[in-house]
Amino acid sequence: MSSKPLNLLHLSDTHGNYHHPKFNEPEKLANSDVIIHSGDFTAKSDNWEEIHDFLNWFSNLPVKHKILVPGNHDRAFEVFEEKNTGRHQIPDNVHLLVDESITLEGYRFYGSPYTPEFCNWAFQLYGAEDSIEKWRKVPDNIDVLITHGPAYGILDTIQNAAGKVSVGCPYLLARIEKLHQLQVHLFGHIHEANGMTTLEKVLYSNAATTSHLIKISK
């Protein structure tokens, strides 16, 4: 049995600026079934006043379903995941995904905040073995994958002295290539590479510092 088409509103890397009009466009919100934030919603990762303000804003957006995946700046979320505390502070209508899946309207979503090691931030992957083990947890039958960072070579370039360099995770890319049901990969993290592209029937959305409205169906 097919599921009805679903409109996804994807945000990422708001870094404390979530009240900005570009993240609160009435037309996009009105046409969304699921709003997804793929990490780095905080500017200061240990500022609980800011975190509570964000959660209040996010939970009150006029969208039926809400999914939240932390990012490398959201260190407080790593701490309370490690200590198994703090989830009671997440509003009931917000689905926090940390290496977890959820089915909404007949579509299966999986979210993970982990990115390759960089500057001792939160939710880091340390080398090949750690990365392979992490991405092995992604189920085969998901429709939408949400990670904070990109896969290698896809909307992941930064500019340095040597030119443009890809900084995405190659082990995430290897896992994605085996997800034959996957329709969409949502992420952020690399601000200067934001945008959307389609490769091998998968839509990739880097919404760092912006928002993208995406329609899926099956």
N, C-alpha and C. Protein backbone atom coordinates (compact mmCIF):
# COMPACT_ATOMS: atom_id res chain seq x y z
N MET A 1 0.84 -1.19 0.00
CA MET A 1 0.00 0.00 0.00
C MET A 1 0.88 1.24 0.00
N SER A 2 0.65 2.15 -0.93
CA SER A 2 1.47 3.36 -1.03
C SER A 2 1.05 4.38 0.03
N SER A 3 2.02 5.21 0.42
CA SER A 3 1.76 6.28 1.37
C SER A 3 1.51 7.58 0.62
N LYS A 4 0.81 8.50 1.25
CA LYS A 4 0.55 9.78 0.61
C LYS A 4 1.86 10.57 0.49
N PRO A 5 1.95 11.45 -0.52
CA PRO A 5 3.14 12.31 -0.61
C PRO A 5 3.34 13.11 0.67
N LEU A 6 4.59 13.41 0.97
CA LEU A 6 4.94 14.10 2.20
C LEU A 6 5.85 15.28 1.89
N ASN A 7 5.55 16.43 2.48
CA ASN A 7 6.39 17.61 2.32
C ASN A 7 7.29 17.77 3.54
N LEU A 8 8.60 17.79 3.30
CA LEU A 8 9.60 17.94 4.36
C LEU A 8 10.18 19.34 4.31
N LEU A 9 10.22 20.02 5.45
CA LEU A 9 10.92 21.30 5.56
C LEU A 9 12.21 21.06 6.33
N HIS A 10 13.33 21.27 5.65
CA HIS A 10 14.63 20.92 6.21
C HIS A 10 15.40 22.19 6.58
N LEU A 11 15.80 22.29 7.86
CA LEU A 11 16.63 23.38 8.38
C LEU A 11 17.91 22.78 8.94
N SER A 12 18.97 23.58 8.97
CA SER A 12 20.20 23.12 9.62
C SER A 12 21.07 24.32 9.97
N ASP A 13 21.89 24.15 11.00
CA ASP A 13 22.91 25.13 11.36
C ASP A 13 22.33 26.53 11.55
N THR A 14 21.28 26.60 12.35
CA THR A 14 20.70 27.91 12.67
C THR A 14 21.53 28.65 13.72
N HIS A 15 22.31 27.93 14.51
CA HIS A 15 23.28 28.52 15.44
C HIS A 15 22.72 29.68 16.27
N GLY A 16 21.55 29.44 16.85
CA GLY A 16 20.95 30.44 17.72
C GLY A 16 20.14 31.50 16.99
N ASN A 17 20.12 31.47 15.66
CA ASN A 17 19.41 32.49 14.87
C ASN A 17 18.08 31.98 14.34
N TYR A 18 17.47 31.02 15.03
CA TYR A 18 16.25 30.38 14.53
C TYR A 18 15.05 31.31 14.47
N HIS A 19 15.10 32.47 15.12
CA HIS A 19 13.99 33.43 15.02
C HIS A 19 14.08 34.28 13.75
N HIS A 20 15.15 34.13 12.99
CA HIS A 20 15.32 34.89 11.75
C HIS A 20 14.18 34.56 10.78
N PRO A 21 13.67 35.56 10.05
CA PRO A 21 12.56 35.30 9.13
C PRO A 21 12.80 34.18 8.12
N LYS A 22 14.06 33.96 7.72
CA LYS A 22 14.31 32.92 6.71
C LYS A 22 14.04 31.52 7.23
N PHE A 23 13.96 31.35 8.55
CA PHE A 23 13.62 30.06 9.13
C PHE A 23 12.16 29.99 9.56
N ASN A 24 11.42 31.04 9.29
CA ASN A 24 10.03 31.13 9.74
C ASN A 24 9.12 31.62 8.61
N GLU A 25 9.37 31.15 7.41
CA GLU A 25 8.58 31.58 6.25
C GLU A 25 7.18 30.95 6.31
N PRO A 26 6.14 31.76 6.43
CA PRO A 26 4.77 31.22 6.61
C PRO A 26 4.35 30.26 5.51
N GLU A 27 4.69 30.55 4.25
CA GLU A 27 4.27 29.69 3.15
C GLU A 27 4.91 28.31 3.24
N LYS A 28 6.21 28.27 3.55
CA LYS A 28 6.89 26.98 3.69
C LYS A 28 6.32 26.19 4.87
N LEU A 29 6.11 26.86 5.99
CA LEU A 29 5.58 26.18 7.17
C LEU A 29 4.18 25.63 6.90
N ALA A 30 3.36 26.41 6.21
CA ALA A 30 1.99 26.00 5.93
C ALA A 30 1.93 24.79 5.00
N ASN A 31 2.95 24.61 4.18
CA ASN A 31 2.97 23.53 3.21
C ASN A 31 3.82 22.34 3.64
N SER A 32 4.16 22.27 4.92
CA SER A 32 5.04 21.21 5.43
C SER A 32 4.28 20.22 6.29
N ASP A 33 4.62 18.95 6.11
CA ASP A 33 4.08 17.89 6.97
C ASP A 33 5.06 17.52 8.08
N VAL A 34 6.35 17.62 7.78
CA VAL A 34 7.41 17.30 8.73
C VAL A 34 8.47 18.38 8.66
N ILE A 35 8.86 18.94 9.80
CA ILE A 35 9.99 19.86 9.84
C ILE A 35 11.16 19.14 10.52
N ILE A 36 12.32 19.25 9.90
CA ILE A 36 13.50 18.52 10.36
C ILE A 36 14.65 19.49 10.53
N HIS A 37 15.25 19.48 11.71
CA HIS A 37 16.46 20.28 11.96
C HIS A 37 17.62 19.31 12.11
N SER A 38 18.63 19.46 11.24
CA SER A 38 19.72 18.47 11.23
C SER A 38 20.99 18.96 11.94
N GLY A 39 20.80 19.69 13.04
CA GLY A 39 21.93 19.95 13.92
C GLY A 39 22.49 21.35 13.92
N ASP A 40 23.26 21.63 15.00
CA ASP A 40 23.85 22.94 15.26
C ASP A 40 22.77 24.02 15.38
N PHE A 41 21.81 23.76 16.26
CA PHE A 41 20.79 24.76 16.55
C PHE A 41 21.26 25.74 17.61
N THR A 42 22.32 25.42 18.34
CA THR A 42 22.82 26.31 19.37
C THR A 42 23.98 27.16 18.88
N ALA A 43 24.13 28.30 19.52
CA ALA A 43 25.32 29.13 19.32
C ALA A 43 26.34 28.82 20.41
N LYS A 44 25.85 28.60 21.64
CA LYS A 44 26.68 28.20 22.77
C LYS A 44 26.12 26.90 23.32
N SER A 45 26.85 25.83 23.15
CA SER A 45 26.30 24.49 23.35
C SER A 45 25.93 24.18 24.79
N ASP A 46 26.42 24.95 25.76
CA ASP A 46 26.10 24.66 27.16
C ASP A 46 25.14 25.69 27.76
N ASN A 47 24.53 26.52 26.90
CA ASN A 47 23.62 27.56 27.37
C ASN A 47 22.20 27.00 27.37
N TRP A 48 21.75 26.56 28.56
CA TRP A 48 20.44 25.93 28.61
C TRP A 48 19.30 26.91 28.42
N GLU A 49 19.51 28.17 28.71
CA GLU A 49 18.47 29.16 28.42
C GLU A 49 18.23 29.23 26.91
N GLU A 50 19.33 29.22 26.15
CA GLU A 50 19.20 29.21 24.69
C GLU A 50 18.56 27.92 24.20
N ILE A 51 18.97 26.79 24.76
CA ILE A 51 18.41 25.51 24.34
C ILE A 51 16.91 25.44 24.60
N HIS A 52 16.49 25.89 25.77
CA HIS A 52 15.06 25.88 26.09
C HIS A 52 14.28 26.83 25.18
N ASP A 53 14.88 27.95 24.84
CA ASP A 53 14.22 28.88 23.91
C ASP A 53 14.06 28.23 22.54
N PHE A 54 15.12 27.56 22.07
CA PHE A 54 15.03 26.87 20.79
C PHE A 54 13.94 25.81 20.82
N LEU A 55 13.94 24.97 21.86
CA LEU A 55 12.95 23.89 21.94
C LEU A 55 11.53 24.44 22.01
N ASN A 56 11.36 25.56 22.69
CA ASN A 56 10.04 26.19 22.74
C ASN A 56 9.62 26.67 21.36
N TRP A 57 10.56 27.31 20.64
CA TRP A 57 10.28 27.78 19.28
C TRP A 57 9.95 26.60 18.37
N PHE A 58 10.81 25.59 18.38
CA PHE A 58 10.66 24.46 17.46
C PHE A 58 9.36 23.70 17.73
N SER A 59 9.06 23.45 18.99
CA SER A 59 7.88 22.67 19.33
C SER A 59 6.58 23.39 19.00
N ASN A 60 6.63 24.71 18.90
CA ASN A 60 5.42 25.49 18.62
C ASN A 60 5.26 25.88 17.16
N LEU A 61 6.16 25.44 16.29
CA LEU A 61 5.99 25.70 14.87
C LEU A 61 4.74 24.97 14.37
N PRO A 62 4.00 25.60 13.46
CA PRO A 62 2.72 25.02 13.00
C PRO A 62 2.91 23.92 11.95
N VAL A 63 3.65 22.88 12.33
CA VAL A 63 3.90 21.73 11.46
C VAL A 63 3.56 20.47 12.26
N LYS A 64 2.92 19.50 11.63
CA LYS A 64 2.40 18.34 12.34
C LYS A 64 3.50 17.54 13.04
N HIS A 65 4.57 17.21 12.31
CA HIS A 65 5.64 16.38 12.85
C HIS A 65 6.95 17.15 12.93
N LYS A 66 7.72 16.91 13.98
CA LYS A 66 8.99 17.62 14.18
C LYS A 66 10.08 16.62 14.55
N ILE A 67 11.20 16.68 13.81
CA ILE A 67 12.34 15.81 14.06
C ILE A 67 13.56 16.67 14.33
N LEU A 68 14.30 16.32 15.38
CA LEU A 68 15.50 17.07 15.76
C LEU A 68 16.68 16.11 15.87
N VAL A 69 17.75 16.42 15.13
CA VAL A 69 19.01 15.68 15.21
C VAL A 69 20.08 16.68 15.63
N PRO A 70 20.81 16.45 16.72
CA PRO A 70 21.85 17.41 17.14
C PRO A 70 23.03 17.43 16.18
N GLY A 71 23.94 18.39 16.43
CA GLY A 71 25.17 18.49 15.64
C GLY A 71 26.39 18.65 16.52
N ASN A 72 27.52 18.89 15.90
CA ASN A 72 28.77 18.94 16.67
C ASN A 72 28.83 20.14 17.62
N HIS A 73 28.05 21.17 17.40
CA HIS A 73 28.01 22.30 18.33
C HIS A 73 27.10 22.06 19.52
N ASP A 74 26.25 21.06 19.44
CA ASP A 74 25.22 20.86 20.46
C ASP A 74 25.71 19.92 21.56
N ARG A 75 26.79 20.35 22.23
CA ARG A 75 27.49 19.49 23.17
C ARG A 75 26.62 19.06 24.36
N ALA A 76 25.72 19.91 24.80
CA ALA A 76 24.88 19.55 25.93
C ALA A 76 24.06 18.30 25.65
N PHE A 77 23.70 18.10 24.39
CA PHE A 77 22.92 16.92 24.03
C PHE A 77 23.77 15.67 24.07
N GLU A 78 25.04 15.78 23.73
CA GLU A 78 25.94 14.64 23.85
C GLU A 78 26.10 14.25 25.32
N VAL A 79 26.23 15.23 26.19
CA VAL A 79 26.40 14.96 27.62
C VAL A 79 25.19 14.24 28.19
N PHE A 80 23.99 14.72 27.87
CA PHE A 80 22.85 14.02 28.48
C PHE A 80 22.51 12.72 27.78
N GLU A 81 22.98 12.49 26.56
CA GLU A 81 22.85 11.16 25.95
C GLU A 81 23.80 10.18 26.65
N GLU A 82 25.03 10.62 26.91
CA GLU A 82 26.01 9.75 27.57
C GLU A 82 25.57 9.38 28.98
N LYS A 83 24.97 10.33 29.68
CA LYS A 83 24.55 10.09 31.06
C LYS A 83 23.12 9.59 31.17
N ASN A 84 22.46 9.47 29.99
CA ASN A 84 21.07 9.01 29.95
C ASN A 84 20.16 9.91 30.79
N THR A 85 20.42 11.19 30.69
CA THR A 85 19.58 12.18 31.38
C THR A 85 19.22 13.28 30.40
N GLY A 86 18.18 14.02 30.69
CA GLY A 86 17.86 15.20 29.91
C GLY A 86 16.76 15.04 28.88
N ARG A 87 16.46 13.80 28.48
CA ARG A 87 15.43 13.63 27.45
C ARG A 87 14.06 14.12 27.93
N HIS A 88 13.86 14.15 29.22
CA HIS A 88 12.59 14.65 29.74
C HIS A 88 12.39 16.13 29.42
N GLN A 89 13.47 16.81 29.04
CA GLN A 89 13.37 18.23 28.71
C GLN A 89 12.94 18.47 27.26
N ILE A 90 12.89 17.41 26.46
CA ILE A 90 12.46 17.53 25.08
C ILE A 90 10.93 17.52 25.02
N PRO A 91 10.31 18.50 24.38
CA PRO A 91 8.84 18.52 24.30
C PRO A 91 8.30 17.23 23.69
N ASP A 92 7.10 16.84 24.11
CA ASP A 92 6.51 15.58 23.67
C ASP A 92 6.30 15.51 22.17
N ASN A 93 6.13 16.66 21.51
CA ASN A 93 5.85 16.63 20.08
C ASN A 93 7.12 16.79 19.22
N VAL A 94 8.29 16.67 19.84
CA VAL A 94 9.57 16.72 19.12
C VAL A 94 10.23 15.36 19.21
N HIS A 95 10.56 14.78 18.06
CA HIS A 95 11.23 13.48 18.01
C HIS A 95 12.74 13.71 17.92
N LEU A 96 13.45 13.47 19.02
CA LEU A 96 14.91 13.59 19.05
C LEU A 96 15.49 12.26 18.57
N LEU A 97 16.30 12.31 17.51
CA LEU A 97 16.90 11.10 16.96
C LEU A 97 18.41 11.14 17.11
N VAL A 98 18.93 10.23 17.92
CA VAL A 98 20.37 10.04 18.08
C VAL A 98 20.65 8.57 17.81
N ASP A 99 20.98 8.25 16.56
CA ASP A 99 21.14 6.87 16.11
C ASP A 99 19.84 6.10 16.32
N GLU A 100 18.75 6.67 15.86
CA GLU A 100 17.41 6.10 16.05
C GLU A 100 16.59 6.29 14.80
N SER A 101 15.54 5.46 14.67
CA SER A 101 14.62 5.60 13.55
C SER A 101 13.21 5.84 14.07
N ILE A 102 12.38 6.39 13.19
CA ILE A 102 10.98 6.61 13.50
C ILE A 102 10.19 6.54 12.21
N THR A 103 8.97 6.02 12.28
CA THR A 103 8.10 5.96 11.11
C THR A 103 6.99 6.99 11.27
N LEU A 104 6.85 7.86 10.27
CA LEU A 104 5.83 8.90 10.26
C LEU A 104 5.10 8.85 8.92
N GLU A 105 3.80 8.75 8.98
CA GLU A 105 2.96 8.77 7.77
C GLU A 105 3.39 7.70 6.75
N GLY A 106 3.91 6.59 7.25
CA GLY A 106 4.31 5.50 6.37
C GLY A 106 5.73 5.59 5.83
N TYR A 107 6.49 6.60 6.24
CA TYR A 107 7.88 6.79 5.82
C TYR A 107 8.80 6.58 7.01
N ARG A 108 9.91 5.89 6.77
CA ARG A 108 10.84 5.61 7.86
C ARG A 108 12.03 6.58 7.80
N PHE A 109 12.26 7.27 8.92
CA PHE A 109 13.35 8.23 9.07
C PHE A 109 14.39 7.67 10.02
N TYR A 110 15.66 7.98 9.76
CA TYR A 110 16.74 7.63 10.68
C TYR A 110 17.64 8.84 10.86
N GLY A 111 18.00 9.14 12.12
CA GLY A 111 18.83 10.31 12.39
C GLY A 111 20.05 10.00 13.21
N SER A 112 21.18 10.62 12.85
CA SER A 112 22.43 10.49 13.62
C SER A 112 23.20 11.80 13.58
N PRO A 113 23.72 12.25 14.73
CA PRO A 113 24.45 13.51 14.79
C PRO A 113 25.94 13.41 14.49
N TYR A 114 26.48 12.23 14.25
CA TYR A 114 27.93 12.03 14.25
C TYR A 114 28.61 12.53 12.97
N THR A 115 29.81 13.11 13.15
CA THR A 115 30.63 13.60 12.04
C THR A 115 32.09 13.21 12.30
N PRO A 116 32.93 13.19 11.25
CA PRO A 116 34.35 12.88 11.45
C PRO A 116 35.01 13.84 12.44
N GLU A 117 36.00 13.35 13.15
CA GLU A 117 36.70 14.11 14.19
C GLU A 117 37.19 15.46 13.69
N PHE A 118 36.88 16.51 14.48
CA PHE A 118 37.35 17.85 14.15
C PHE A 118 37.29 18.73 15.39
N CYS A 119 38.44 19.18 15.85
CA CYS A 119 38.53 20.17 16.94
C CYS A 119 37.82 19.78 18.23
N ASN A 120 37.71 18.50 18.51
CA ASN A 120 37.16 18.05 19.79
C ASN A 120 35.74 18.55 20.04
N TRP A 121 34.92 18.60 18.99
CA TRP A 121 33.52 18.97 19.15
C TRP A 121 32.73 17.76 19.66
N ALA A 122 31.40 17.91 19.69
CA ALA A 122 30.52 16.84 20.14
C ALA A 122 30.26 15.83 19.03
N PHE A 123 29.84 14.62 19.43
CA PHE A 123 29.40 13.58 18.51
C PHE A 123 30.43 13.33 17.40
N GLN A 124 31.64 12.96 17.81
CA GLN A 124 32.73 12.77 16.86
C GLN A 124 32.98 11.29 16.55
N LEU A 125 33.44 11.04 15.33
CA LEU A 125 33.85 9.70 14.91
C LEU A 125 35.37 9.68 14.80
N TYR A 126 35.99 8.70 15.44
CA TYR A 126 37.45 8.64 15.51
C TYR A 126 37.98 7.50 14.64
N GLY A 127 38.21 7.79 13.38
CA GLY A 127 38.83 6.83 12.49
C GLY A 127 37.86 5.89 11.80
N ALA A 128 38.44 5.02 10.97
CA ALA A 128 37.65 4.13 10.11
C ALA A 128 36.78 3.16 10.90
N GLU A 129 37.36 2.50 11.89
CA GLU A 129 36.61 1.47 12.63
C GLU A 129 35.39 2.06 13.32
N ASP A 130 35.59 3.21 13.97
CA ASP A 130 34.49 3.89 14.66
C ASP A 130 33.40 4.29 13.66
N SER A 131 33.81 4.81 12.52
CA SER A 131 32.86 5.27 11.50
C SER A 131 32.07 4.12 10.89
N ILE A 132 32.76 3.06 10.53
CA ILE A 132 32.10 1.91 9.92
C ILE A 132 31.07 1.32 10.88
N GLU A 133 31.44 1.20 12.14
CA GLU A 133 30.53 0.66 13.15
C GLU A 133 29.31 1.56 13.33
N LYS A 134 29.52 2.86 13.31
CA LYS A 134 28.40 3.80 13.48
C LYS A 134 27.41 3.69 12.32
N TRP A 135 27.91 3.73 11.09
CA TRP A 135 27.00 3.75 9.95
C TRP A 135 26.41 2.38 9.66
N ARG A 136 26.98 1.33 10.21
CA ARG A 136 26.39 0.00 10.09
C ARG A 136 25.03 -0.05 10.78
N LYS A 137 24.82 0.82 11.74
CA LYS A 137 23.55 0.84 12.49
C LYS A 137 22.38 1.37 11.67
N VAL A 138 22.68 2.07 10.56
CA VAL A 138 21.60 2.63 9.75
C VAL A 138 20.82 1.47 9.11
N PRO A 139 19.50 1.40 9.34
CA PRO A 139 18.71 0.29 8.78
C PRO A 139 18.69 0.32 7.25
N ASP A 140 18.53 -0.86 6.65
CA ASP A 140 18.50 -0.97 5.20
C ASP A 140 17.27 -0.32 4.58
N ASN A 141 16.15 -0.31 5.30
CA ASN A 141 14.87 0.04 4.70
C ASN A 141 14.38 1.44 5.06
N ILE A 142 15.29 2.38 5.16
CA ILE A 142 14.84 3.75 5.48
C ILE A 142 14.55 4.53 4.20
N ASP A 143 13.65 5.50 4.32
CA ASP A 143 13.31 6.39 3.21
C ASP A 143 14.06 7.71 3.30
N VAL A 144 14.27 8.19 4.53
CA VAL A 144 14.92 9.49 4.75
C VAL A 144 16.03 9.31 5.78
N LEU A 145 17.24 9.67 5.39
CA LEU A 145 18.40 9.65 6.29
C LEU A 145 18.73 11.07 6.69
N ILE A 146 18.88 11.29 7.99
CA ILE A 146 19.22 12.62 8.52
C ILE A 146 20.52 12.49 9.29
N THR A 147 21.54 13.18 8.85
CA THR A 147 22.81 13.23 9.58
C THR A 147 23.21 14.69 9.71
N HIS A 148 24.09 14.98 10.66
CA HIS A 148 24.52 16.37 10.74
C HIS A 148 25.47 16.72 9.60
N GLY A 149 26.36 15.79 9.27
CA GLY A 149 27.35 16.06 8.24
C GLY A 149 27.08 15.35 6.93
N PRO A 150 27.78 15.75 5.87
CA PRO A 150 27.58 15.15 4.55
C PRO A 150 28.39 13.88 4.34
N ALA A 151 28.00 13.15 3.31
CA ALA A 151 28.81 12.06 2.81
C ALA A 151 29.91 12.64 1.92
N TYR A 152 30.98 11.90 1.79
CA TYR A 152 32.13 12.38 1.02
C TYR A 152 31.76 12.68 -0.44
N GLY A 153 32.14 13.89 -0.87
CA GLY A 153 31.99 14.26 -2.26
C GLY A 153 30.64 14.83 -2.64
N ILE A 154 29.72 14.99 -1.68
CA ILE A 154 28.37 15.47 -1.98
C ILE A 154 28.06 16.70 -1.14
N LEU A 155 28.09 17.87 -1.73
CA LEU A 155 27.80 19.12 -1.04
C LEU A 155 28.62 19.22 0.24
N ASP A 156 29.93 18.98 0.11
CA ASP A 156 30.81 18.89 1.29
C ASP A 156 32.12 19.64 1.12
N THR A 157 32.22 20.56 0.15
CA THR A 157 33.51 21.17 -0.11
C THR A 157 33.73 22.45 0.69
N ILE A 158 34.97 22.64 1.13
CA ILE A 158 35.41 23.89 1.74
C ILE A 158 36.57 24.44 0.92
N GLN A 159 36.79 25.72 1.07
CA GLN A 159 37.90 26.37 0.36
C GLN A 159 39.06 26.56 1.33
N ASN A 160 40.24 26.08 0.95
CA ASN A 160 41.43 26.36 1.74
C ASN A 160 42.56 26.78 0.79
N ALA A 161 43.76 26.85 1.31
CA ALA A 161 44.88 27.34 0.50
C ALA A 161 45.14 26.48 -0.73
N ALA A 162 44.77 25.20 -0.64
CA ALA A 162 45.00 24.29 -1.76
C ALA A 162 43.86 24.29 -2.77
N GLY A 163 42.79 25.03 -2.46
CA GLY A 163 41.62 25.03 -3.33
C GLY A 163 40.43 24.40 -2.64
N LYS A 164 39.50 23.84 -3.42
CA LYS A 164 38.32 23.21 -2.85
C LYS A 164 38.65 21.78 -2.41
N VAL A 165 38.23 21.46 -1.19
CA VAL A 165 38.52 20.15 -0.61
C VAL A 165 37.23 19.55 -0.07
N SER A 166 37.00 18.25 -0.35
CA SER A 166 35.85 17.54 0.20
C SER A 166 36.16 17.06 1.62
N VAL A 167 35.23 17.31 2.54
CA VAL A 167 35.46 16.95 3.94
C VAL A 167 34.37 16.04 4.50
N GLY A 168 33.51 15.52 3.64
CA GLY A 168 32.47 14.62 4.09
C GLY A 168 33.02 13.25 4.47
N CYS A 169 32.16 12.41 4.99
CA CYS A 169 32.57 11.10 5.51
C CYS A 169 32.49 10.02 4.42
N PRO A 170 33.61 9.40 4.05
CA PRO A 170 33.58 8.35 3.02
C PRO A 170 32.85 7.09 3.48
N TYR A 171 32.85 6.83 4.77
CA TYR A 171 32.20 5.63 5.29
C TYR A 171 30.68 5.81 5.29
N LEU A 172 30.22 7.04 5.48
CA LEU A 172 28.80 7.34 5.33
C LEU A 172 28.38 7.15 3.87
N LEU A 173 29.20 7.61 2.94
CA LEU A 173 28.91 7.42 1.52
C LEU A 173 28.79 5.94 1.18
N ALA A 174 29.71 5.13 1.69
CA ALA A 174 29.68 3.70 1.41
C ALA A 174 28.38 3.06 1.92
N ARG A 175 27.90 3.51 3.07
CA ARG A 175 26.63 2.97 3.60
C ARG A 175 25.45 3.42 2.75
N ILE A 176 25.44 4.69 2.36
CA ILE A 176 24.34 5.22 1.55
C ILE A 176 24.22 4.44 0.24
N GLU A 177 25.32 4.06 -0.34
CA GLU A 177 25.30 3.34 -1.61
C GLU A 177 24.63 1.98 -1.51
N LYS A 178 24.42 1.50 -0.28
CA LYS A 178 23.75 0.22 -0.08
C LYS A 178 22.31 0.37 0.39
N LEU A 179 21.85 1.61 0.53
CA LEU A 179 20.47 1.86 1.00
C LEU A 179 19.57 2.03 -0.21
N HIS A 180 19.06 0.93 -0.73
CA HIS A 180 18.36 0.94 -2.01
C HIS A 180 16.96 1.55 -1.93
N GLN A 181 16.42 1.72 -0.73
CA GLN A 181 15.10 2.34 -0.56
C GLN A 181 15.22 3.84 -0.29
N LEU A 182 16.43 4.33 -0.06
CA LEU A 182 16.64 5.72 0.34
C LEU A 182 16.18 6.69 -0.75
N GLN A 183 15.39 7.70 -0.32
CA GLN A 183 14.94 8.75 -1.22
C GLN A 183 15.68 10.07 -1.01
N VAL A 184 15.96 10.36 0.28
CA VAL A 184 16.49 11.69 0.62
C VAL A 184 17.54 11.54 1.72
N HIS A 185 18.64 12.29 1.57
CA HIS A 185 19.63 12.44 2.64
C HIS A 185 19.67 13.92 3.02
N LEU A 186 19.35 14.21 4.28
CA LEU A 186 19.31 15.57 4.80
C LEU A 186 20.48 15.80 5.75
N PHE A 187 21.18 16.92 5.59
CA PHE A 187 22.33 17.21 6.43
C PHE A 187 22.64 18.71 6.37
N GLY A 188 23.73 19.10 7.04
CA GLY A 188 24.20 20.49 7.03
C GLY A 188 25.69 20.49 7.26
N HIS A 189 26.11 21.22 8.33
CA HIS A 189 27.49 21.19 8.82
C HIS A 189 28.45 22.03 7.98
N ILE A 190 28.50 21.81 6.67
CA ILE A 190 29.42 22.54 5.81
C ILE A 190 28.66 23.72 5.20
N HIS A 191 28.78 24.87 5.84
CA HIS A 191 27.96 26.02 5.49
C HIS A 191 28.13 26.44 4.04
N GLU A 192 29.37 26.52 3.58
CA GLU A 192 29.62 27.09 2.26
C GLU A 192 29.22 26.16 1.12
N ALA A 193 28.82 24.93 1.45
CA ALA A 193 28.44 23.98 0.41
C ALA A 193 26.93 23.75 0.38
N ASN A 194 26.14 24.63 1.02
CA ASN A 194 24.70 24.36 1.08
C ASN A 194 24.07 24.38 -0.32
N GLY A 195 22.98 23.61 -0.44
CA GLY A 195 22.30 23.47 -1.72
C GLY A 195 21.66 22.10 -1.80
N MET A 196 21.17 21.75 -3.00
CA MET A 196 20.56 20.44 -3.22
C MET A 196 21.05 19.85 -4.53
N THR A 197 21.13 18.54 -4.57
CA THR A 197 21.51 17.84 -5.79
C THR A 197 20.90 16.44 -5.75
N THR A 198 20.71 15.83 -6.92
CA THR A 198 20.20 14.47 -7.01
C THR A 198 21.23 13.60 -7.70
N LEU A 199 21.56 12.47 -7.04
CA LEU A 199 22.52 11.51 -7.58
C LEU A 199 21.96 10.11 -7.40
N GLU A 200 21.93 9.34 -8.47
CA GLU A 200 21.44 7.95 -8.40
C GLU A 200 20.08 7.86 -7.70
N LYS A 201 19.18 8.77 -8.07
CA LYS A 201 17.79 8.80 -7.58
C LYS A 201 17.65 9.22 -6.11
N VAL A 202 18.74 9.62 -5.47
CA VAL A 202 18.67 10.12 -4.09
C VAL A 202 18.84 11.63 -4.11
N LEU A 203 17.91 12.34 -3.44
CA LEU A 203 18.01 13.79 -3.31
C LEU A 203 18.85 14.11 -2.07
N TYR A 204 19.88 14.91 -2.25
CA TYR A 204 20.75 15.34 -1.16
C TYR A 204 20.48 16.81 -0.85
N SER A 205 20.24 17.10 0.42
CA SER A 205 19.94 18.46 0.85
C SER A 205 20.89 18.88 1.96
N ASN A 206 21.76 19.86 1.64
CA ASN A 206 22.58 20.53 2.65
C ASN A 206 21.89 21.86 2.93
N ALA A 207 21.22 21.96 4.06
CA ALA A 207 20.44 23.16 4.40
C ALA A 207 21.16 24.03 5.43
N ALA A 208 22.47 23.93 5.51
CA ALA A 208 23.22 24.74 6.49
C ALA A 208 22.92 26.22 6.30
N THR A 209 22.43 26.86 7.36
CA THR A 209 22.09 28.28 7.44
C THR A 209 20.92 28.67 6.55
N THR A 210 20.14 27.69 6.07
CA THR A 210 19.01 28.01 5.21
C THR A 210 17.91 26.98 5.41
N SER A 211 16.92 26.93 4.51
CA SER A 211 15.86 25.93 4.58
C SER A 211 15.49 25.46 3.18
N HIS A 212 15.10 24.19 3.08
CA HIS A 212 14.69 23.61 1.82
C HIS A 212 13.36 22.89 2.01
N LEU A 213 12.43 23.08 1.10
CA LEU A 213 11.15 22.37 1.11
C LEU A 213 11.23 21.25 0.07
N ILE A 214 11.00 20.02 0.51
CA ILE A 214 11.22 18.83 -0.31
C ILE A 214 9.97 17.96 -0.28
N LYS A 215 9.54 17.48 -1.44
CA LYS A 215 8.39 16.59 -1.52
C LYS A 215 8.87 15.17 -1.83
N ILE A 216 8.37 14.19 -1.05
CA ILE A 216 8.68 12.80 -1.30
C ILE A 216 7.39 12.01 -1.47
N SER A 217 7.49 10.90 -2.17
CA SER A 217 6.31 10.05 -2.37
C SER A 217 6.79 8.62 -2.63
N LYS A 218 5.86 7.67 -2.42
CA LYS A 218 6.16 6.28 -2.76
C LYS A 218 4.87 5.51 -2.92
